[in-house]
């Protein structure tokens, strides 16, 4: 079992290839461990409520389904830590409570442990670690109220095909990365509180944020295209605008040009190497892929920032 930050679940929900990944049967199993009343009032989109037997035992979903699912996420009201046996753990470590990382401290609230108790009952069936949402529904819904619903999906395959994913979140409530369609969606701008946009596609877009700022760098998605010479301008623009609200970086498909610029910004402002920025963005958007020309420009940017080349881009992963 592993704790899952709300931002991670948000990005899992909003992965998109040709269709939303939520439409893939083996992609996500999202389970709500709260009461029936709480679930009926509101739950995270696509979540199924965990059922209990008459004797109070948690009913395990289809084990074959769990065996092939990529992400299995469980949440309750507000679990904030894994339910370890704290006293036994301390005896084994021979350390005092004062020196223990707060993330491993057991919650004494029985309700907070519901997600952990349930996850234990079926972690043997999953190929990947069971993810437990840190802060539970309470924290997630406070951050992403627009992903709450009362709706139960009776025909999930058909309904999820039409799900409109949001841009992925790079820096919490600050920096997002998406595609042209998302950049032109007024509701998305409102929900994410987007105050500025960086457009790396050739086509101009309409900014819906009132009083918002807009930077358009028209660059074709070709091996000969030059993004390197614009990195400094883009990074300065993002830095300036983050003081006023969230920023959306986007390109036509949100895969190559936008991810290149996003990595360049992380290298500039977060002191990331190219390798670290690459893996960070890849975790946010699993199908991001700058072409080789942009990878070379990112390597040159790394050399300019740090005075030396840190990341070997000849590796097959780049």
Protein backbone atom coordinates (compact mmCIF):
# COMPACT_ATOMS: atom_id res chain seq x y z
CA UNK A 1 0.00 0.00 0.00
CA UNK A 2 1.22 3.48 -0.87
CA UNK A 3 -0.19 6.91 -0.04
CA UNK A 4 -1.38 8.82 -3.11
CA UNK A 5 -1.38 12.61 -3.18
CA UNK A 6 -4.59 14.27 -4.45
CA UNK A 7 -2.60 15.74 -7.35
CA UNK A 8 -1.55 12.26 -8.43
CA UNK A 9 -5.15 11.02 -8.52
CA UNK A 10 -6.19 14.18 -10.40
CA UNK A 11 -3.57 13.42 -13.06
CA UNK A 12 -4.57 9.74 -13.21
CA UNK A 13 -8.16 10.78 -13.89
CA UNK A 14 -7.14 13.18 -16.65
CA UNK A 15 -4.81 11.06 -18.77
CA UNK A 16 -5.80 11.13 -22.42
CA UNK A 17 -4.61 9.44 -25.58
CA UNK A 18 -7.02 9.25 -28.49
CA UNK A 19 -9.78 8.76 -25.94
CA UNK A 20 -9.77 9.33 -22.17
CA UNK A 21 -7.83 6.58 -20.43
CA UNK A 22 -10.71 6.25 -17.97
CA UNK A 23 -12.54 4.48 -20.79
CA UNK A 24 -10.00 1.64 -20.68
CA UNK A 25 -11.45 -1.22 -18.58
CA UNK A 26 -8.09 -2.13 -17.04
CA UNK A 27 -6.92 1.42 -16.31
CA UNK A 28 -8.43 2.59 -12.99
CA UNK A 29 -10.38 0.98 -10.18
CA UNK A 30 -11.45 3.82 -7.85
CA UNK A 31 -13.15 2.69 -4.65
CA UNK A 32 -15.06 4.76 -2.09
CA UNK A 33 -14.91 3.38 1.48
CA UNK A 34 -17.31 5.89 3.03
CA UNK A 35 -20.91 5.30 4.07
CA UNK A 36 -23.72 4.89 1.57
CA UNK A 37 -25.17 8.26 2.60
CA UNK A 38 -21.87 10.06 2.03
CA UNK A 39 -21.36 8.33 -1.30
CA UNK A 40 -24.87 9.24 -2.48
CA UNK A 41 -24.36 12.89 -1.47
CA UNK A 42 -21.19 13.19 -3.56
CA UNK A 43 -18.21 11.11 -4.67
CA UNK A 44 -15.23 11.35 -7.00
CA UNK A 45 -16.14 10.75 -10.62
CA UNK A 46 -16.01 7.04 -11.65
CA UNK A 47 -15.76 5.87 -8.01
CA UNK A 48 -17.62 2.75 -6.94
CA UNK A 49 -18.70 2.31 -3.34
CA UNK A 50 -17.16 -0.57 -1.42
CA UNK A 51 -19.80 -3.06 -0.30
CA UNK A 52 -19.84 -4.95 2.97
CA UNK A 53 -21.27 -8.35 3.80
CA UNK A 54 -24.03 -8.71 6.45
CA UNK A 55 -21.28 -9.63 8.94
CA UNK A 56 -19.37 -6.41 8.22
CA UNK A 57 -16.62 -7.88 6.04
CA UNK A 58 -15.46 -5.90 3.02
CA UNK A 59 -16.40 -7.50 -0.27
CA UNK A 60 -13.46 -7.80 -2.62
CA UNK A 61 -14.17 -6.72 -6.23
CA UNK A 62 -13.60 -9.26 -8.97
CA UNK A 63 -10.09 -10.58 -8.34
CA UNK A 64 -9.46 -11.00 -12.07
CA UNK A 65 -10.30 -7.34 -12.60
CA UNK A 66 -7.95 -6.28 -9.80
CA UNK A 67 -5.23 -8.49 -11.19
CA UNK A 68 -5.01 -6.57 -14.45
CA UNK A 69 -5.91 -3.02 -13.40
CA UNK A 70 -3.12 -0.41 -13.65
CA UNK A 71 -4.27 1.82 -10.80
CA UNK A 72 -6.29 0.74 -7.81
CA UNK A 73 -7.12 3.72 -5.57
CA UNK A 74 -9.09 3.64 -2.31
CA UNK A 75 -10.32 6.62 -0.33
CA UNK A 76 -12.41 7.30 2.75
CA UNK A 77 -13.24 10.56 4.52
CA UNK A 78 -9.84 11.91 5.45
CA UNK A 79 -7.15 9.26 5.98
CA UNK A 80 -3.78 11.00 6.13
CA UNK A 81 -1.43 8.13 6.99
CA UNK A 82 -1.03 4.39 6.56
CA UNK A 83 -2.43 2.42 9.49
CA UNK A 84 0.81 0.87 10.77
CA UNK A 85 1.05 -0.77 14.16
CA UNK A 86 2.95 2.19 15.53
CA UNK A 87 4.10 0.73 18.88
CA UNK A 88 5.40 -2.49 17.32
CA UNK A 89 7.14 -0.52 14.58
CA UNK A 90 8.90 1.63 17.16
CA UNK A 91 10.09 -1.41 19.11
CA UNK A 92 11.58 -2.89 15.96
CA UNK A 93 13.31 0.34 15.06
CA UNK A 94 14.42 1.03 18.60
CA UNK A 95 13.66 4.69 18.08
CA UNK A 96 11.55 7.24 19.94
CA UNK A 97 8.33 8.76 18.69
CA UNK A 98 9.98 12.15 18.44
CA UNK A 99 12.31 10.89 15.71
CA UNK A 100 9.63 9.23 13.63
CA UNK A 101 8.50 10.64 10.30
CA UNK A 102 4.97 11.93 10.80
CA UNK A 103 3.85 10.17 7.60
CA UNK A 104 4.21 6.78 9.30
CA UNK A 105 2.29 7.66 12.47
CA UNK A 106 -0.88 5.64 12.88
CA UNK A 107 -4.10 7.59 13.07
CA UNK A 108 -6.10 6.77 16.16
CA UNK A 109 -9.38 7.72 14.48
CA UNK A 110 -11.12 4.49 13.48
CA UNK A 111 -12.89 6.12 10.55
CA UNK A 112 -9.63 7.43 9.13
CA UNK A 113 -8.36 3.87 8.83
CA UNK A 114 -11.27 2.60 6.73
CA UNK A 115 -9.43 2.93 3.42
CA UNK A 116 -6.36 1.18 4.82
CA UNK A 117 -8.42 -1.64 6.34
CA UNK A 118 -10.14 -2.22 3.04
CA UNK A 119 -6.97 -1.99 0.96
CA UNK A 120 -5.38 -4.70 3.10
CA UNK A 121 -8.21 -7.06 2.23
CA UNK A 122 -7.37 -7.14 -1.48
CA UNK A 123 -3.77 -5.97 -1.96
CA UNK A 124 -2.86 -9.63 -2.56
CA UNK A 125 -4.88 -9.53 -5.79
CA UNK A 126 -3.24 -6.48 -7.42
CA UNK A 127 -0.10 -6.36 -9.58
CA UNK A 128 0.70 -2.81 -8.48
CA UNK A 129 0.60 -1.26 -5.00
CA UNK A 130 -2.85 -0.23 -3.80
CA UNK A 131 -2.97 3.57 -3.63
CA UNK A 132 -4.64 5.22 -0.65
CA UNK A 133 -5.71 8.82 -1.18
CA UNK A 134 -3.98 11.09 1.32
CA UNK A 135 -6.52 13.31 3.01
CA UNK A 136 -9.35 11.23 1.54
CA UNK A 137 -12.43 12.64 -0.10
CA UNK A 138 -12.38 15.73 2.10
CA UNK A 139 -9.04 16.98 0.82
CA UNK A 140 -9.51 15.90 -2.80
CA UNK A 141 -12.92 17.53 -3.13
CA UNK A 142 -11.59 20.75 -1.60
CA UNK A 143 -8.88 20.90 -4.30
CA UNK A 144 -10.90 19.55 -7.25
CA UNK A 145 -14.56 20.28 -6.54
CA UNK A 146 -15.31 20.00 -10.27
CA UNK A 147 -14.49 16.27 -10.20
CA UNK A 148 -17.19 15.57 -7.61
CA UNK A 149 -20.47 14.06 -8.72
CA UNK A 150 -23.64 12.37 -7.51
CA UNK A 151 -23.87 10.43 -10.74
CA UNK A 152 -23.44 6.68 -10.89
CA UNK A 153 -22.13 5.35 -14.20
CA UNK A 154 -24.54 2.66 -15.36
CA UNK A 155 -22.91 2.43 -18.81
CA UNK A 156 -19.30 3.39 -17.98
CA UNK A 157 -17.74 2.48 -21.32
CA UNK A 158 -20.08 4.72 -23.29
CA UNK A 159 -20.11 7.58 -20.77
CA UNK A 160 -16.36 7.64 -20.18
CA UNK A 161 -15.65 7.80 -23.91
CA UNK A 162 -17.20 11.28 -23.74
CA UNK A 163 -15.41 12.35 -20.56
CA UNK A 164 -13.62 15.68 -21.07
CA UNK A 165 -10.23 15.50 -19.33
CA UNK A 166 -8.63 18.53 -17.73
CA UNK A 167 -5.02 19.65 -18.29
CA UNK A 168 -2.57 17.75 -16.09
CA UNK A 169 -1.29 19.53 -13.00
CA UNK A 170 2.48 20.16 -12.91
CA UNK A 171 2.78 22.41 -9.86
CA UNK A 172 -0.15 22.24 -7.40
CA UNK A 173 -2.78 24.87 -8.25
CA UNK A 174 -0.15 26.83 -10.17
CA UNK A 175 1.11 25.27 -13.40
CA UNK A 176 -0.91 23.10 -15.79
CA UNK A 177 -0.09 21.49 -19.14
CA UNK A 178 -2.70 20.70 -21.75
CA UNK A 179 -3.83 20.78 -25.36
CA UNK A 180 -5.45 23.35 -27.63
CA UNK A 181 -9.00 22.16 -27.02
CA UNK A 182 -8.59 22.46 -23.25
CA UNK A 183 -7.11 25.94 -23.61
CA UNK A 184 -10.26 27.08 -25.44
CA UNK A 185 -12.65 25.57 -22.88
CA UNK A 186 -14.12 28.35 -20.74
CA UNK A 187 -15.21 26.02 -17.94
CA UNK A 188 -11.73 24.54 -17.59
CA UNK A 189 -10.21 28.02 -17.29
CA UNK A 190 -12.73 28.84 -14.58
CA UNK A 191 -12.38 25.59 -12.63
CA UNK A 192 -8.56 25.71 -12.59
CA UNK A 193 -8.48 29.49 -12.03
CA UNK A 194 -6.25 29.96 -15.08
CA UNK A 195 -5.04 33.56 -15.24
CA UNK A 196 -2.40 33.21 -17.97
CA UNK A 197 -1.71 30.99 -20.97
CA UNK A 198 1.43 30.05 -22.87
CA UNK A 199 0.50 28.86 -26.35
CA UNK A 200 3.24 26.87 -28.16
CA UNK A 201 1.08 25.90 -31.13
CA UNK A 202 0.98 27.72 -34.44
CA UNK A 203 -2.71 28.52 -34.12
CA UNK A 204 -3.79 31.44 -31.88
CA UNK A 205 -6.28 30.66 -29.10
CA UNK A 206 -8.90 32.65 -27.24
CA UNK A 207 -8.15 33.45 -23.61
CA UNK A 208 -11.26 33.39 -21.47
CA UNK A 209 -9.77 34.62 -18.18
CA UNK A 210 -10.86 38.20 -17.60
CA UNK A 211 -7.78 40.37 -17.46
CA UNK A 212 -5.63 37.29 -18.14
CA UNK A 213 -2.24 37.34 -19.80
CA UNK A 214 -1.34 35.49 -22.96
CA UNK A 215 1.99 34.57 -24.55
CA UNK A 216 1.96 33.02 -28.01
CA UNK A 217 5.14 31.39 -29.29
CA UNK A 218 4.29 30.09 -32.76
CA UNK A 219 6.45 27.01 -33.31
CA UNK A 220 5.84 24.07 -35.68
CA UNK A 221 6.21 20.55 -34.30
CA UNK A 222 9.15 19.71 -36.55
CA UNK A 223 12.74 18.57 -36.03
CA UNK A 224 14.03 21.90 -37.34
CA UNK A 225 11.85 24.05 -35.05
CA UNK A 226 13.62 26.32 -32.56
CA UNK A 227 12.26 26.47 -29.04
CA UNK A 228 15.61 26.98 -27.32
CA UNK A 229 15.79 30.68 -28.14
CA UNK A 230 12.39 31.25 -26.47
CA UNK A 231 13.02 29.33 -23.22
CA UNK A 232 14.22 32.38 -21.27
CA UNK A 233 11.26 34.50 -22.40
CA UNK A 234 8.75 31.76 -21.54
CA UNK A 235 10.30 31.06 -18.12
CA UNK A 236 10.27 34.76 -17.24
CA UNK A 237 6.62 35.05 -18.32
CA UNK A 238 5.56 32.04 -16.22
CA UNK A 239 7.49 33.26 -13.17
CA UNK A 240 5.83 36.66 -13.42
CA UNK A 241 2.32 35.29 -13.91
CA UNK A 242 2.43 32.68 -11.12
CA UNK A 243 2.26 35.54 -8.62
CA UNK A 244 -1.23 36.33 -9.93
CA UNK A 245 -2.74 32.89 -10.48
CA UNK A 246 -2.47 29.61 -12.36
CA UNK A 247 -0.74 29.30 -15.74
CA UNK A 248 -1.64 26.87 -18.54
CA UNK A 249 1.05 25.79 -21.01
CA UNK A 250 -0.41 24.15 -24.09
CA UNK A 251 0.27 23.01 -27.64
CA UNK A 252 -1.91 21.33 -30.25
CA UNK A 253 -1.98 17.88 -28.63
CA UNK A 254 -0.21 18.69 -25.38
CA UNK A 255 2.45 16.04 -25.99
CA UNK A 256 5.62 17.45 -27.57
CA UNK A 257 5.99 21.23 -27.60
CA UNK A 258 4.14 21.90 -24.35
CA UNK A 259 6.08 19.20 -22.47
CA UNK A 260 9.36 20.61 -23.82
CA UNK A 261 8.54 24.08 -22.49
CA UNK A 262 7.29 22.68 -19.19
CA UNK A 263 10.55 20.80 -18.63
CA UNK A 264 12.56 23.87 -19.56
CA UNK A 265 10.66 25.81 -16.89
CA UNK A 266 11.23 23.15 -14.22
CA UNK A 267 14.94 23.14 -15.03
CA UNK A 268 15.03 26.93 -14.81
CA UNK A 269 12.91 27.57 -11.71
CA UNK A 270 13.06 24.34 -9.71
CA UNK A 271 16.75 23.51 -10.32
CA UNK A 272 15.85 20.20 -11.94
CA UNK A 273 18.26 18.38 -14.20
CA UNK A 274 16.83 17.34 -17.57
CA UNK A 275 16.54 13.76 -16.32
CA UNK A 276 14.62 14.79 -13.21
CA UNK A 277 12.35 17.15 -15.14
CA UNK A 278 11.69 14.42 -17.71
CA UNK A 279 10.59 11.85 -15.13
CA UNK A 280 8.58 14.44 -13.21
CA UNK A 281 6.56 15.49 -16.27
CA UNK A 282 6.24 11.88 -17.46
CA UNK A 283 4.61 11.00 -14.13
CA UNK A 284 2.12 13.86 -14.64
CA UNK A 285 1.39 12.96 -18.28
CA UNK A 286 2.32 9.43 -19.23
CA UNK A 287 2.28 9.96 -23.01
CA UNK A 288 4.31 13.17 -23.13
CA UNK A 289 7.06 12.89 -25.75
CA UNK A 290 9.22 15.72 -27.12
CA UNK A 291 10.79 14.78 -30.44
CA UNK A 292 14.55 14.40 -30.73
CA UNK A 293 15.14 17.97 -31.89
CA UNK A 294 13.51 19.35 -28.74
CA UNK A 295 15.36 16.85 -26.53
CA UNK A 296 18.66 18.20 -27.91
CA UNK A 297 17.51 21.76 -27.18
CA UNK A 298 16.61 20.79 -23.62
CA UNK A 299 20.10 19.32 -23.24
CA UNK A 300 21.59 22.61 -24.48
CA UNK A 301 19.36 24.47 -21.99
CA UNK A 302 20.63 22.24 -19.17
CA UNK A 303 24.22 23.01 -20.18
CA UNK A 304 23.49 26.73 -20.28
CA UNK A 305 21.90 26.72 -16.82
CA UNK A 306 24.43 24.52 -15.02
CA UNK A 307 27.54 25.13 -17.09
CA UNK A 308 27.85 21.42 -17.87
CA UNK A 309 25.85 18.57 -19.36
CA UNK A 310 24.27 16.47 -16.60
CA UNK A 311 21.86 14.23 -18.50
CA UNK A 312 23.04 11.76 -21.13
CA UNK A 313 20.36 12.08 -23.80
CA UNK A 314 21.79 9.21 -25.83
CA UNK A 315 19.96 6.79 -23.54
CA UNK A 316 17.09 4.95 -25.25
CA UNK A 317 14.58 6.60 -22.87
CA UNK A 318 15.22 9.99 -24.49
